């Protein structure tokens, strides 16, 4: 059981923070006042970046962040992907950190790809009112303040590596030669 907070509805301060990413923040807030169940597409890069992972793996990352780490910023599930809202600049830096960890290489093929959305990208965010319908876009950790804490690339990398270790065994050694002869040397005299 994760210790992630159960905040699934966006507060008015959280809505103001999300809307601040929009080209016309007041129009976005007006739309949400009229239709609090409306998802909106917001640009990334200035107020937040987003790291997108397959839903189950993203949930494992979220659990690691809350159970063993510093917690998370806002987190949503949209179209089968977990969206972790991160500090601006994360989308630019995280891919090189993942490459350094050999993420997605031949030996770590079982680890899912993480998509980084930053400057020039946009993401669909769930409605502030939340949605309890199974399979619908929803907030796992909704924004509840005008200045939420957002993890940077190193913290996201830390959570991804720990979630991957929990999901699959990753070895730094090449796979054993299946035709090699193995001798039991424990009974040597």
C-alpha atoms as a PDB file:
ATOM      1  CA  UNK A   1       0.000   0.000   0.000  1.00  0.00           C
ATOM      2  CA  UNK A   2       1.451   3.329  -1.046  1.00  0.00           C
ATOM      3  CA  UNK A   3       1.648   6.281   1.299  1.00  0.00           C
ATOM      4  CA  UNK A   4       0.856   8.671  -1.611  1.00  0.00           C
ATOM      5  CA  UNK A   5      -1.760  11.209  -0.565  1.00  0.00           C
ATOM      6  CA  UNK A   6      -5.325  10.559  -1.619  1.00  0.00           C
ATOM      7  CA  UNK A   7      -5.909  13.971  -3.211  1.00  0.00           C
ATOM      8  CA  UNK A   8      -7.914  13.274  -6.356  1.00  0.00           C
ATOM      9  CA  UNK A   9      -9.650  16.636  -6.782  1.00  0.00           C
ATOM     10  CA  UNK A  10      -7.792  19.768  -7.810  1.00  0.00           C
ATOM     11  CA  UNK A  11      -8.066  22.653  -5.318  1.00  0.00           C
ATOM     12  CA  UNK A  12      -8.713  26.211  -6.530  1.00  0.00           C
ATOM     13  CA  UNK A  13      -5.030  27.013  -5.904  1.00  0.00           C
ATOM     14  CA  UNK A  14      -4.018  23.898  -7.867  1.00  0.00           C
ATOM     15  CA  UNK A  15      -6.308  24.910 -10.741  1.00  0.00           C
ATOM     16  CA  UNK A  16      -4.690  28.369 -10.772  1.00  0.00           C
ATOM     17  CA  UNK A  17      -1.253  26.715 -10.949  1.00  0.00           C
ATOM     18  CA  UNK A  18      -2.292  24.442 -13.822  1.00  0.00           C
ATOM     19  CA  UNK A  19      -3.973  27.324 -15.672  1.00  0.00           C
ATOM     20  CA  UNK A  20      -0.798  29.414 -15.333  1.00  0.00           C
ATOM     21  CA  UNK A  21       0.769  27.091 -17.919  1.00  0.00           C
ATOM     22  CA  UNK A  22      -1.911  27.969 -20.485  1.00  0.00           C
ATOM     23  CA  UNK A  23      -1.517  30.728 -23.045  1.00  0.00           C
ATOM     24  CA  UNK A  24      -4.659  32.362 -21.611  1.00  0.00           C
ATOM     25  CA  UNK A  25      -4.874  31.361 -17.922  1.00  0.00           C
ATOM     26  CA  UNK A  26      -8.060  33.333 -17.168  1.00  0.00           C
ATOM     27  CA  UNK A  27      -9.862  31.653 -20.073  1.00  0.00           C
ATOM     28  CA  UNK A  28      -8.794  28.236 -18.796  1.00  0.00           C
ATOM     29  CA  UNK A  29     -10.052  29.055 -15.293  1.00  0.00           C
ATOM     30  CA  UNK A  30     -13.326  30.362 -16.741  1.00  0.00           C
ATOM     31  CA  UNK A  31     -13.761  27.128 -18.707  1.00  0.00           C
ATOM     32  CA  UNK A  32     -13.178  25.087 -15.550  1.00  0.00           C
ATOM     33  CA  UNK A  33     -15.669  27.215 -13.597  1.00  0.00           C
ATOM     34  CA  UNK A  34     -18.285  26.522 -16.250  1.00  0.00           C
ATOM     35  CA  UNK A  35     -17.269  22.906 -16.884  1.00  0.00           C
ATOM     36  CA  UNK A  36     -15.218  21.466 -13.974  1.00  0.00           C
ATOM     37  CA  UNK A  37     -15.317  18.052 -15.685  1.00  0.00           C
ATOM     38  CA  UNK A  38     -13.462  19.278 -18.819  1.00  0.00           C
ATOM     39  CA  UNK A  39      -9.938  18.010 -19.493  1.00  0.00           C
ATOM     40  CA  UNK A  40      -7.612  20.586 -21.055  1.00  0.00           C
ATOM     41  CA  UNK A  41      -4.454  20.467 -23.173  1.00  0.00           C
ATOM     42  CA  UNK A  42      -1.652  22.490 -21.554  1.00  0.00           C
ATOM     43  CA  UNK A  43       1.843  23.335 -22.827  1.00  0.00           C
ATOM     44  CA  UNK A  44       4.893  21.965 -21.032  1.00  0.00           C
ATOM     45  CA  UNK A  45       8.228  23.620 -20.415  1.00  0.00           C
ATOM     46  CA  UNK A  46       7.518  26.834 -18.522  1.00  0.00           C
ATOM     47  CA  UNK A  47       5.506  25.832 -15.438  1.00  0.00           C
ATOM     48  CA  UNK A  48       6.126  22.073 -15.505  1.00  0.00           C
ATOM     49  CA  UNK A  49       7.495  19.211 -17.588  1.00  0.00           C
ATOM     50  CA  UNK A  50       5.836  15.802 -17.707  1.00  0.00           C
ATOM     51  CA  UNK A  51       7.372  12.334 -17.651  1.00  0.00           C
ATOM     52  CA  UNK A  52       4.961   9.759 -19.066  1.00  0.00           C
ATOM     53  CA  UNK A  53       5.213   6.043 -18.263  1.00  0.00           C
ATOM     54  CA  UNK A  54       2.937   3.055 -18.888  1.00  0.00           C
ATOM     55  CA  UNK A  55       0.279   3.099 -16.153  1.00  0.00           C
ATOM     56  CA  UNK A  56       1.489   0.125 -14.085  1.00  0.00           C
ATOM     57  CA  UNK A  57       5.164   1.104 -14.223  1.00  0.00           C
ATOM     58  CA  UNK A  58       4.292   4.745 -13.472  1.00  0.00           C
ATOM     59  CA  UNK A  59       2.345   3.585 -10.433  1.00  0.00           C
ATOM     60  CA  UNK A  60       5.405   1.638  -9.224  1.00  0.00           C
ATOM     61  CA  UNK A  61       7.484   4.804  -9.675  1.00  0.00           C
ATOM     62  CA  UNK A  62       4.904   6.773  -7.673  1.00  0.00           C
ATOM     63  CA  UNK A  63       4.956   4.163  -4.918  1.00  0.00           C
ATOM     64  CA  UNK A  64       8.760   4.360  -4.728  1.00  0.00           C
ATOM     65  CA  UNK A  65       8.632   8.160  -4.567  1.00  0.00           C
ATOM     66  CA  UNK A  66       6.234   8.092  -1.619  1.00  0.00           C
ATOM     67  CA  UNK A  67       7.403   4.969   0.236  1.00  0.00           C
ATOM     68  CA  UNK A  68      11.179   5.412  -0.045  1.00  0.00           C
ATOM     69  CA  UNK A  69      11.754   8.929  -1.387  1.00  0.00           C
ATOM     70  CA  UNK A  70      10.716  12.558  -1.106  1.00  0.00           C
ATOM     71  CA  UNK A  71       7.177  12.208  -2.483  1.00  0.00           C
ATOM     72  CA  UNK A  72       5.932  13.534  -5.801  1.00  0.00           C
ATOM     73  CA  UNK A  73       4.342  16.514  -7.408  1.00  0.00           C
ATOM     74  CA  UNK A  74       0.992  16.149  -9.168  1.00  0.00           C
ATOM     75  CA  UNK A  75       0.429  12.805 -10.911  1.00  0.00           C
ATOM     76  CA  UNK A  76      -2.348  11.871 -13.344  1.00  0.00           C
ATOM     77  CA  UNK A  77      -3.415   8.847 -15.367  1.00  0.00           C
ATOM     78  CA  UNK A  78      -4.424   9.650 -18.952  1.00  0.00           C
ATOM     79  CA  UNK A  79      -5.054   7.105 -21.738  1.00  0.00           C
ATOM     80  CA  UNK A  80      -3.249   4.262 -20.002  1.00  0.00           C
ATOM     81  CA  UNK A  81      -0.172   6.340 -19.081  1.00  0.00           C
ATOM     82  CA  UNK A  82       0.928   7.807 -15.776  1.00  0.00           C
ATOM     83  CA  UNK A  83       1.922  11.466 -16.076  1.00  0.00           C
ATOM     84  CA  UNK A  84       4.403  12.657 -13.443  1.00  0.00           C
ATOM     85  CA  UNK A  85       4.546  16.457 -13.329  1.00  0.00           C
ATOM     86  CA  UNK A  86       8.177  17.459 -12.880  1.00  0.00           C
ATOM     87  CA  UNK A  87      10.343  20.564 -12.657  1.00  0.00           C
ATOM     88  CA  UNK A  88      10.851  22.509 -15.901  1.00  0.00           C
ATOM     89  CA  UNK A  89      13.989  21.264 -17.641  1.00  0.00           C
ATOM     90  CA  UNK A  90      13.486  17.628 -16.592  1.00  0.00           C
ATOM     91  CA  UNK A  91      12.428  16.584 -20.116  1.00  0.00           C
ATOM     92  CA  UNK A  92      15.688  17.956 -21.481  1.00  0.00           C
ATOM     93  CA  UNK A  93      17.994  16.364 -18.875  1.00  0.00           C
ATOM     94  CA  UNK A  94      16.307  13.021 -18.087  1.00  0.00           C
ATOM     95  CA  UNK A  95      16.991  11.292 -21.459  1.00  0.00           C
ATOM     96  CA  UNK A  96      20.777  11.668 -21.018  1.00  0.00           C
ATOM     97  CA  UNK A  97      20.532  10.308 -17.457  1.00  0.00           C
ATOM     98  CA  UNK A  98      18.486   7.351 -18.713  1.00  0.00           C
ATOM     99  CA  UNK A  99      21.071   6.735 -21.463  1.00  0.00           C
ATOM    100  CA  UNK A 100      23.801   6.768 -18.824  1.00  0.00           C
ATOM    101  CA  UNK A 101      21.852   4.069 -16.955  1.00  0.00           C
ATOM    102  CA  UNK A 102      21.571   2.182 -20.287  1.00  0.00           C
ATOM    103  CA  UNK A 103      17.786   2.446 -20.099  1.00  0.00           C
ATOM    104  CA  UNK A 104      16.232   0.560 -23.001  1.00  0.00           C
ATOM    105  CA  UNK A 105      19.508  -1.142 -23.975  1.00  0.00           C
ATOM    106  CA  UNK A 106      19.700  -4.817 -24.872  1.00  0.00           C
ATOM    107  CA  UNK A 107      20.158  -5.874 -21.283  1.00  0.00           C
ATOM    108  CA  UNK A 108      17.306  -3.727 -19.938  1.00  0.00           C
ATOM    109  CA  UNK A 109      14.778  -4.431 -22.687  1.00  0.00           C
ATOM    110  CA  UNK A 110      12.122  -5.360 -20.135  1.00  0.00           C
ATOM    111  CA  UNK A 111      12.038  -1.795 -18.776  1.00  0.00           C
ATOM    112  CA  UNK A 112       9.423   0.421 -20.434  1.00  0.00           C
ATOM    113  CA  UNK A 113      10.257   3.570 -22.326  1.00  0.00           C
ATOM    114  CA  UNK A 114       9.680   6.848 -20.522  1.00  0.00           C
ATOM    115  CA  UNK A 115       8.412   9.748 -22.620  1.00  0.00           C
ATOM    116  CA  UNK A 116       9.630  13.215 -21.669  1.00  0.00           C
ATOM    117  CA  UNK A 117       7.431  16.225 -22.503  1.00  0.00           C
ATOM    118  CA  UNK A 118       9.054  19.646 -22.219  1.00  0.00           C
ATOM    119  CA  UNK A 119       9.319  22.912 -24.143  1.00  0.00           C
ATOM    120  CA  UNK A 120       7.327  22.686 -27.369  1.00  0.00           C
ATOM    121  CA  UNK A 121       5.161  19.791 -26.135  1.00  0.00           C
ATOM    122  CA  UNK A 122       1.673  19.747 -24.669  1.00  0.00           C
ATOM    123  CA  UNK A 123      -0.240  17.222 -22.559  1.00  0.00           C
ATOM    124  CA  UNK A 124      -3.879  16.590 -21.774  1.00  0.00           C
ATOM    125  CA  UNK A 125      -4.573  17.065 -18.075  1.00  0.00           C
ATOM    126  CA  UNK A 126      -7.623  15.550 -16.371  1.00  0.00           C
ATOM    127  CA  UNK A 127     -10.519  17.705 -15.275  1.00  0.00           C
ATOM    128  CA  UNK A 128     -10.143  19.471 -11.923  1.00  0.00           C
ATOM    129  CA  UNK A 129     -13.312  17.814 -10.602  1.00  0.00           C
ATOM    130  CA  UNK A 130     -11.746  14.386 -11.009  1.00  0.00           C
ATOM    131  CA  UNK A 131     -13.394  11.322 -12.462  1.00  0.00           C
ATOM    132  CA  UNK A 132     -14.209   8.139 -10.598  1.00  0.00           C
ATOM    133  CA  UNK A 133     -15.172   6.170 -13.711  1.00  0.00           C
ATOM    134  CA  UNK A 134     -12.842   3.168 -14.164  1.00  0.00           C
ATOM    135  CA  UNK A 135     -10.450   3.721 -17.067  1.00  0.00           C
ATOM    136  CA  UNK A 136     -11.135   7.458 -17.247  1.00  0.00           C
ATOM    137  CA  UNK A 137      -8.455  10.138 -17.012  1.00  0.00           C
ATOM    138  CA  UNK A 138      -8.001  11.070 -13.370  1.00  0.00           C
ATOM    139  CA  UNK A 139      -5.654  12.571 -10.813  1.00  0.00           C
ATOM    140  CA  UNK A 140      -3.710  10.202  -8.561  1.00  0.00           C
ATOM    141  CA  UNK A 141      -2.110  13.167  -6.775  1.00  0.00           C
ATOM    142  CA  UNK A 142      -3.958  16.356  -7.687  1.00  0.00           C
ATOM    143  CA  UNK A 143      -2.328  19.794  -7.504  1.00  0.00           C
ATOM    144  CA  UNK A 144      -3.501  21.504  -4.331  1.00  0.00           C
ATOM    145  CA  UNK A 145      -1.284  24.586  -4.116  1.00  0.00           C
ATOM    146  CA  UNK A 146      -0.097  27.443  -6.344  1.00  0.00           C
ATOM    147  CA  UNK A 147       3.520  26.319  -5.914  1.00  0.00           C
ATOM    148  CA  UNK A 148       3.652  22.500  -5.782  1.00  0.00           C
ATOM    149  CA  UNK A 149       6.966  20.782  -5.230  1.00  0.00           C
ATOM    150  CA  UNK A 150       8.089  19.195  -8.503  1.00  0.00           C
ATOM    151  CA  UNK A 151      10.785  16.507  -8.651  1.00  0.00           C
ATOM    152  CA  UNK A 152      13.766  17.075 -10.916  1.00  0.00           C
ATOM    153  CA  UNK A 153      15.426  14.637 -13.334  1.00  0.00           C
ATOM    154  CA  UNK A 154      17.664  12.963 -10.738  1.00  0.00           C
ATOM    155  CA  UNK A 155      14.727  12.115  -8.485  1.00  0.00           C
ATOM    156  CA  UNK A 156      12.661  10.790 -11.413  1.00  0.00           C
ATOM    157  CA  UNK A 157      15.648   8.662 -12.496  1.00  0.00           C
ATOM    158  CA  UNK A 158      16.017   7.346  -8.927  1.00  0.00           C
ATOM    159  CA  UNK A 159      12.323   6.336  -8.852  1.00  0.00           C
ATOM    160  CA  UNK A 160      12.476   4.754 -12.320  1.00  0.00           C
ATOM    161  CA  UNK A 161      15.541   2.668 -11.470  1.00  0.00           C
ATOM    162  CA  UNK A 162      14.017   1.467  -8.200  1.00  0.00           C
ATOM    163  CA  UNK A 163      10.712   0.652  -9.889  1.00  0.00           C
ATOM    164  CA  UNK A 164      12.571  -1.266 -12.605  1.00  0.00           C
ATOM    165  CA  UNK A 165      14.558  -3.235 -10.042  1.00  0.00           C
ATOM    166  CA  UNK A 166      11.317  -4.208  -8.343  1.00  0.00           C
ATOM    167  CA  UNK A 167       9.763  -5.227 -11.674  1.00  0.00           C
ATOM    168  CA  UNK A 168      12.622  -7.163 -13.286  1.00  0.00           C
ATOM    169  CA  UNK A 169      16.039  -8.404 -12.350  1.00  0.00           C
ATOM    170  CA  UNK A 170      18.635  -6.267 -14.078  1.00  0.00           C
ATOM    171  CA  UNK A 171      22.160  -7.634 -14.077  1.00  0.00           C
ATOM    172  CA  UNK A 172      25.359  -5.840 -14.954  1.00  0.00           C
ATOM    173  CA  UNK A 173      26.788  -9.173 -16.091  1.00  0.00           C
ATOM    174  CA  UNK A 174      26.128 -10.629 -19.552  1.00  0.00           C
ATOM    175  CA  UNK A 175      23.868 -13.679 -19.666  1.00  0.00           C
ATOM    176  CA  UNK A 176      25.633 -16.958 -18.983  1.00  0.00           C
ATOM    177  CA  UNK A 177      26.644 -19.162 -21.884  1.00  0.00           C
ATOM    178  CA  UNK A 178      23.995 -21.901 -21.856  1.00  0.00           C
ATOM    179  CA  UNK A 179      26.434 -24.470 -23.329  1.00  0.00           C
ATOM    180  CA  UNK A 180      29.177 -23.802 -20.782  1.00  0.00           C
ATOM    181  CA  UNK A 181      30.253 -26.656 -18.507  1.00  0.00           C
ATOM    182  CA  UNK A 182      29.722 -25.834 -14.857  1.00  0.00           C
ATOM    183  CA  UNK A 183      31.740 -27.591 -12.171  1.00  0.00           C
ATOM    184  CA  UNK A 184      30.877 -27.717  -8.495  1.00  0.00           C
ATOM    185  CA  UNK A 185      34.028 -26.519  -6.743  1.00  0.00           C
ATOM    186  CA  UNK A 186      32.497 -26.371  -3.276  1.00  0.00           C
ATOM    187  CA  UNK A 187      33.726 -29.933  -2.497  1.00  0.00           C
ATOM    188  CA  UNK A 188      37.337 -29.303  -3.410  1.00  0.00           C
ATOM    189  CA  UNK A 189      39.922 -30.677  -0.981  1.00  0.00           C
END
